[in-house]
Amino acid sequence: MKFFPVPAVLVLLLAAVSARGGSLPFSRPGLMDIPTASVLHHTEIVIGGSFTAYSYETADSVSESDFAMAGHLDIGLFNRGQLGITWLGAAGLSGNARILLFRERINTPAIAIGCQNITGEEDYEFFRDADDSLYHYEEAQNFSAYAVMTKSLDYFSGMPVCLHLGYGIGRFRQGEHSISDGRMSNPFRGLFAALDYHPVPELSIMLEWDGRDANLGAEYDLNSNVRFMCGLSEFEQLFVSERDRTDVMHNAKFSLGVEFTFGPFLNRTTLQPYEQLSEDYNRELLEALEAIRSNAKQEIEELERKLH
């Protein structure tokens, strides 16, 4: 597989609509607001928290500011699965689950399936309306099942870019009758995508469309245990001239987040890189590494013969 629809991803991002989204960034495992096709190591635990600031106008055009907090806790199981919980303030708790179907290879992507917002509350999200009720969505937000693929494009393009592309229901879908700017409906209901660029190994710059809104963010790995995040979600709202500024869903939001990784607590290992590849079952990389070692050994032996 040597072709990936990168232009299509850009189209999706440009088509990000002013639909009523509203999820809190960094409140679930993944990028800003979408899942990826990866899972934690067995018994590895991640605890994350986020702070989101936003503003809106009252009925008399007075600007108001507020903030929201969220968090999540996830654990890896058997290097194939991941379970967790998400807390969205007054909205309460929900569950998350993910299963890795195929690991990423040199020529093929990783593929995973999962479900978010595992709860009985159909309108499970943080934001509330003027009557202090959870914001009502055209699509039920709970039991949001999805399938997603993740593939590094470094091998194909020479650039440290990773593509994430998936399809989901529930929170990933814009309402069938929702519109972007009053003139065009979203033609990609349920499809979400992201480009993840690594200018240096510790830094990641993310541009994503979560199925309803466009988000821009960055992550910085302080070390293997601590990660800092920041992002601007629903930023397409900044370019919409005619929008309801009294509706919090129609305003961009700024978020800060942090994640702490612990473990793995079982089968902990300090393997050398070659052995670590074996542990991760990446046979193609093992074969490539073995070929490089074999060729290097032959070249050294040939050079020694010439010197003698």
Protein backbone atom coordinates (compact mmCIF):
# COMPACT_ATOMS: atom_id res chain seq x y z
CA MET A 1 0.00 0.00 0.00
CA LYS A 2 1.91 3.01 -1.29
CA PHE A 3 -0.84 5.56 -1.66
CA PHE A 4 -2.79 7.40 0.99
CA PRO A 5 -5.45 10.04 0.38
CA VAL A 6 -3.59 12.98 1.89
CA PRO A 7 -5.36 15.48 -0.42
CA ALA A 8 -8.67 14.02 0.75
CA VAL A 9 -7.67 14.71 4.35
CA LEU A 10 -6.96 18.33 3.47
CA VAL A 11 -10.36 18.56 1.82
CA LEU A 12 -11.97 17.21 4.97
CA LEU A 13 -10.17 19.75 7.10
CA LEU A 14 -11.14 22.59 4.80
CA ALA A 15 -14.72 21.34 4.83
CA ALA A 16 -14.88 21.47 8.62
CA VAL A 17 -18.21 22.98 9.39
CA SER A 18 -19.76 25.22 11.98
CA ALA A 19 -21.87 22.36 13.19
CA ARG A 20 -22.67 22.21 16.84
CA GLY A 21 -19.80 20.19 18.19
CA GLY A 22 -18.51 21.01 21.62
CA SER A 23 -16.47 18.15 22.99
CA LEU A 24 -13.61 19.05 25.32
CA PRO A 25 -10.14 18.50 23.77
CA PHE A 26 -7.67 16.11 25.43
CA SER A 27 -10.49 14.48 27.41
CA ARG A 28 -9.99 11.07 25.78
CA PRO A 29 -6.97 9.08 24.59
CA GLY A 30 -5.82 9.95 21.07
CA LEU A 31 -4.97 13.30 19.51
CA MET A 32 -6.99 16.39 20.41
CA ASP A 33 -10.45 14.98 19.91
CA ILE A 34 -10.11 11.86 17.75
CA PRO A 35 -8.90 8.33 18.53
CA THR A 36 -5.88 6.75 16.85
CA ALA A 37 -5.05 3.15 15.93
CA SER A 38 -2.69 2.56 18.83
CA VAL A 39 -2.99 1.02 22.28
CA LEU A 40 -0.98 1.20 25.48
CA HIS A 41 1.41 -1.56 26.47
CA HIS A 42 0.04 -4.25 28.76
CA THR A 43 -0.63 -2.77 32.26
CA GLU A 44 0.60 0.67 31.17
CA ILE A 45 -1.54 3.47 32.63
CA VAL A 46 -2.13 7.01 31.39
CA ILE A 47 -3.78 9.73 33.49
CA GLY A 48 -4.64 12.97 31.72
CA GLY A 49 -6.31 16.27 32.52
CA SER A 50 -7.28 19.34 30.52
CA PHE A 51 -8.42 22.92 31.00
CA THR A 52 -10.53 24.62 28.32
CA ALA A 53 -11.32 28.35 28.20
CA TYR A 54 -14.10 29.77 26.03
CA SER A 55 -16.24 32.86 25.62
CA TYR A 56 -19.67 33.76 24.35
CA GLU A 57 -22.07 36.69 24.29
CA THR A 58 -25.19 37.14 26.38
CA ALA A 59 -28.52 38.16 24.86
CA ASP A 60 -27.62 41.85 25.44
CA SER A 61 -24.26 41.41 23.57
CA VAL A 62 -22.12 41.36 26.70
CA SER A 63 -19.07 39.12 26.38
CA GLU A 64 -18.75 36.37 28.99
CA SER A 65 -15.87 33.97 29.67
CA ASP A 66 -15.87 30.59 31.31
CA PHE A 67 -13.80 27.44 31.56
CA ALA A 68 -14.22 23.68 31.71
CA MET A 69 -12.11 20.85 33.07
CA ALA A 70 -11.92 17.23 31.97
CA GLY A 71 -9.84 14.15 32.60
CA HIS A 72 -9.31 10.55 31.59
CA LEU A 73 -7.66 7.38 32.88
CA ASP A 74 -6.72 4.48 30.60
CA ILE A 75 -4.96 1.14 30.93
CA GLY A 76 -3.49 -1.13 28.28
CA LEU A 77 -4.39 -4.83 28.21
CA PHE A 78 -2.38 -7.60 26.52
CA ASN A 79 -0.84 -5.16 24.00
CA ARG A 80 -4.07 -5.44 22.00
CA GLY A 81 -6.70 -3.60 24.00
CA GLN A 82 -7.27 -0.46 26.02
CA LEU A 83 -9.97 0.45 28.54
CA GLY A 84 -10.59 3.79 30.20
CA ILE A 85 -12.94 6.34 31.67
CA THR A 86 -13.55 9.99 30.79
CA TRP A 87 -14.77 12.69 33.15
CA LEU A 88 -16.45 15.77 31.66
CA GLY A 89 -17.24 17.86 34.70
CA ALA A 90 -20.95 18.12 35.41
CA ALA A 91 -21.68 15.74 32.52
CA GLY A 92 -20.17 12.94 34.60
CA LEU A 93 -18.30 9.79 33.63
CA SER A 94 -18.29 7.64 30.53
CA GLY A 95 -16.30 4.65 29.34
CA ASN A 96 -13.85 4.15 26.45
CA ALA A 97 -12.70 0.92 24.82
CA ARG A 98 -10.34 0.18 21.93
CA ILE A 99 -9.06 -3.01 20.26
CA LEU A 100 -6.05 -3.10 17.95
CA LEU A 101 -6.82 -5.32 14.97
CA PHE A 102 -3.63 -4.88 12.91
CA ARG A 103 -0.29 -3.40 13.87
CA GLU A 104 1.38 -0.91 11.58
CA ARG A 105 3.90 -2.33 9.10
CA ILE A 106 6.15 -0.59 6.60
CA ASN A 107 3.54 -0.83 3.83
CA THR A 108 0.30 -1.16 5.77
CA PRO A 109 -1.47 0.96 8.41
CA ALA A 110 -2.48 0.07 11.93
CA ILE A 111 -6.23 -0.50 12.26
CA ALA A 112 -8.30 -0.35 15.43
CA ILE A 113 -11.95 -0.36 16.43
CA GLY A 114 -13.42 1.13 19.55
CA CYS A 115 -16.23 2.92 21.31
CA GLN A 116 -16.37 6.20 23.24
CA ASN A 117 -19.01 7.76 25.49
CA ILE A 118 -20.12 4.41 26.90
CA THR A 119 -22.94 5.75 29.05
CA GLY A 120 -26.71 5.85 29.18
CA GLU A 121 -26.84 9.65 28.63
CA GLU A 122 -27.61 10.26 24.95
CA ASP A 123 -26.50 13.91 25.10
CA TYR A 124 -23.30 13.17 27.01
CA GLU A 125 -21.02 16.18 26.49
CA PHE A 126 -19.92 19.01 28.77
CA PHE A 127 -21.75 22.06 27.45
CA ARG A 128 -25.22 23.07 28.61
CA ASP A 129 -27.95 25.23 27.14
CA ALA A 130 -29.71 28.28 28.60
CA ASP A 131 -31.97 25.99 30.65
CA ASP A 132 -28.91 24.33 32.25
CA SER A 133 -29.60 21.05 30.45
CA LEU A 134 -27.01 19.07 28.53
CA TYR A 135 -26.93 20.42 25.00
CA HIS A 136 -29.28 18.44 22.80
CA TYR A 137 -27.75 16.99 19.66
CA GLU A 138 -29.49 15.68 16.59
CA GLU A 139 -27.30 12.57 16.84
CA ALA A 140 -27.11 10.62 20.12
CA GLN A 141 -23.64 11.14 21.60
CA ASN A 142 -23.37 7.93 23.60
CA PHE A 143 -21.99 4.59 22.39
CA SER A 144 -19.96 6.30 19.70
CA ALA A 145 -18.41 3.33 17.88
CA TYR A 146 -15.62 3.89 15.37
CA ALA A 147 -12.95 2.32 13.18
CA VAL A 148 -9.67 4.14 12.56
CA MET A 149 -6.40 3.61 10.73
CA THR A 150 -3.02 5.19 11.50
CA LYS A 151 -0.03 5.25 9.16
CA SER A 152 3.32 7.00 9.22
CA LEU A 153 4.09 8.55 5.83
CA ASP A 154 7.80 8.91 6.54
CA TYR A 155 8.70 5.83 4.48
CA PHE A 156 6.75 7.10 1.47
CA SER A 157 7.34 10.85 1.62
CA GLY A 158 10.53 11.26 3.65
CA MET A 159 8.60 13.62 5.93
CA PRO A 160 7.81 12.85 9.60
CA VAL A 161 4.05 12.96 9.08
CA CYS A 162 1.43 10.54 10.34
CA LEU A 163 -2.05 10.17 8.85
CA HIS A 164 -5.12 9.20 10.88
CA LEU A 165 -8.37 8.42 9.09
CA GLY A 166 -11.52 6.93 10.53
CA TYR A 167 -15.28 6.67 10.54
CA GLY A 168 -17.59 6.76 13.53
CA ILE A 169 -21.15 7.26 14.69
CA GLY A 170 -22.56 9.30 17.56
CA ARG A 171 -20.20 12.10 18.61
CA PHE A 172 -18.29 11.79 15.32
CA ARG A 173 -21.30 12.61 13.17
CA GLN A 174 -22.79 15.96 12.36
CA GLY A 175 -26.56 15.99 12.46
CA GLU A 176 -28.12 15.05 9.15
CA HIS A 177 -29.88 18.40 8.94
CA SER A 178 -27.02 20.52 10.32
CA ILE A 179 -25.42 22.91 7.86
CA SER A 180 -22.03 24.53 7.56
CA ASP A 181 -22.85 28.15 6.84
CA GLY A 182 -26.52 28.08 5.97
CA ARG A 183 -25.81 26.99 2.39
CA MET A 184 -24.10 23.56 2.32
CA SER A 185 -24.55 20.34 4.24
CA ASN A 186 -21.59 18.33 5.43
CA PRO A 187 -21.00 15.58 2.79
CA PHE A 188 -18.80 13.43 5.04
CA ARG A 189 -20.97 12.55 8.03
CA GLY A 190 -19.02 10.32 10.40
CA LEU A 191 -15.63 10.66 8.72
CA PHE A 192 -12.79 12.09 10.83
CA ALA A 193 -9.15 12.67 9.97
CA ALA A 194 -5.89 14.22 11.13
CA LEU A 195 -2.34 14.98 10.08
CA ASP A 196 0.27 14.67 12.82
CA TYR A 197 3.63 16.34 12.01
CA HIS A 198 6.81 15.76 14.06
CA PRO A 199 9.44 18.45 13.32
CA VAL A 200 11.51 16.90 16.14
CA PRO A 201 10.82 13.60 17.96
CA GLU A 202 9.58 15.36 21.11
CA LEU A 203 7.14 17.72 19.36
CA SER A 204 3.94 16.95 17.50
CA ILE A 205 1.81 19.46 15.59
CA MET A 206 -1.73 18.26 14.89
CA LEU A 207 -4.37 19.40 12.43
CA GLU A 208 -7.58 17.41 12.73
CA TRP A 209 -11.21 17.27 11.84
CA ASP A 210 -13.16 15.38 14.50
CA GLY A 211 -16.21 14.84 12.28
CA ARG A 212 -17.87 18.10 13.30
CA ASP A 213 -15.15 20.69 13.85
CA ALA A 214 -11.57 21.57 12.93
CA ASN A 215 -8.91 21.58 15.65
CA LEU A 216 -5.28 22.69 15.72
CA GLY A 217 -2.92 21.62 18.50
CA ALA A 218 0.53 20.62 19.67
CA GLU A 219 2.04 18.06 22.04
CA TYR A 220 5.44 18.11 23.71
CA ASP A 221 6.97 15.06 25.37
CA LEU A 222 9.04 16.26 28.29
CA ASN A 223 10.15 12.65 28.79
CA SER A 224 8.65 9.18 28.46
CA ASN A 225 6.34 9.83 31.43
CA VAL A 226 5.13 13.43 31.02
CA ARG A 227 3.44 15.09 28.04
CA PHE A 228 2.09 18.64 27.68
CA MET A 229 -0.61 19.65 25.19
CA CYS A 230 -2.26 22.82 23.94
CA GLY A 231 -4.78 23.46 21.23
CA LEU A 232 -7.38 25.66 19.57
CA SER A 233 -10.57 23.71 18.91
CA GLU A 234 -13.46 24.60 16.60
CA PHE A 235 -11.20 27.22 15.04
CA GLU A 236 -13.28 27.29 11.83
CA GLN A 237 -15.70 29.45 13.84
CA LEU A 238 -13.18 32.28 13.62
CA PHE A 239 -13.81 32.48 9.87
CA VAL A 240 -17.60 32.42 9.99
CA SER A 241 -18.99 35.94 9.83
CA GLU A 242 -22.63 35.09 10.44
CA ARG A 243 -22.80 32.90 13.53
CA ASP A 244 -24.71 32.89 16.79
CA ARG A 245 -22.16 34.28 19.23
CA THR A 246 -24.53 33.63 22.12
CA ASP A 247 -24.26 29.89 21.42
CA VAL A 248 -21.12 28.49 23.05
CA MET A 249 -21.00 25.88 20.29
CA HIS A 250 -20.33 28.61 17.77
CA ASN A 251 -17.16 29.91 19.43
CA ALA A 252 -13.56 28.70 19.27
CA LYS A 253 -12.01 27.33 22.46
CA PHE A 254 -8.45 27.20 23.83
CA SER A 255 -7.24 24.17 25.81
CA LEU A 256 -4.23 23.13 27.85
CA GLY A 257 -3.58 19.56 28.91
CA VAL A 258 -1.10 17.22 30.56
CA GLU A 259 -0.71 13.44 30.58
CA PHE A 260 1.26 11.18 32.91
CA THR A 261 2.28 7.67 31.89
CA PHE A 262 3.03 4.94 34.43
CA GLY A 263 4.26 1.40 33.92
CA PRO A 264 3.94 -1.06 32.39
CA PHE A 265 3.72 -2.78 35.77
CA LEU A 266 3.75 -6.35 34.46
CA ASN A 267 6.23 -7.78 31.97
CA ARG A 268 8.32 -4.67 32.44
CA THR A 269 11.46 -4.90 30.34
CA THR A 270 14.61 -3.00 29.50
CA LEU A 271 15.21 -4.75 26.18
CA GLN A 272 17.79 -3.58 23.69
CA PRO A 273 16.32 -1.96 20.52
CA TYR A 274 16.63 -5.19 18.49
CA GLU A 275 14.90 -7.20 21.20
CA GLN A 276 12.28 -4.48 21.67
CA LEU A 277 11.33 -4.85 18.01
CA SER A 278 10.78 -8.55 18.67
CA GLU A 279 8.59 -7.68 21.65
CA ASP A 280 6.52 -5.40 19.40
CA TYR A 281 6.19 -8.11 16.74
CA ASN A 282 7.43 -5.84 13.96
CA ARG A 283 8.87 -8.56 11.74
CA GLU A 284 9.46 -6.37 8.70
CA LEU A 285 11.64 -3.97 10.66
CA LEU A 286 13.47 -6.92 12.18
CA GLU A 287 14.21 -8.35 8.75
CA ALA A 288 15.39 -4.96 7.48
CA LEU A 289 17.63 -4.52 10.52
CA GLU A 290 19.05 -8.02 10.12
CA ALA A 291 19.81 -7.35 6.43
CA ILE A 292 21.66 -4.15 7.33
CA ARG A 293 23.68 -5.98 9.98
CA SER A 294 24.51 -8.82 7.58
CA ASN A 295 25.65 -6.48 4.82
CA ALA A 296 27.71 -4.42 7.26
CA LYS A 297 29.42 -7.60 8.53
CA GLN A 298 30.28 -8.68 5.00
CA GLU A 299 31.67 -5.24 4.14
CA ILE A 300 33.84 -5.24 7.27
CA GLU A 301 35.20 -8.71 6.49
CA GLU A 302 35.94 -7.69 2.90
CA LEU A 303 37.73 -4.53 4.08
CA GLU A 304 39.83 -6.56 6.51
CA ARG A 305 40.90 -8.92 3.72
CA LYS A 306 41.97 -5.96 1.58
CA LEU A 307 43.97 -4.46 4.43
CA HIS A 308 45.84 -7.71 4.93
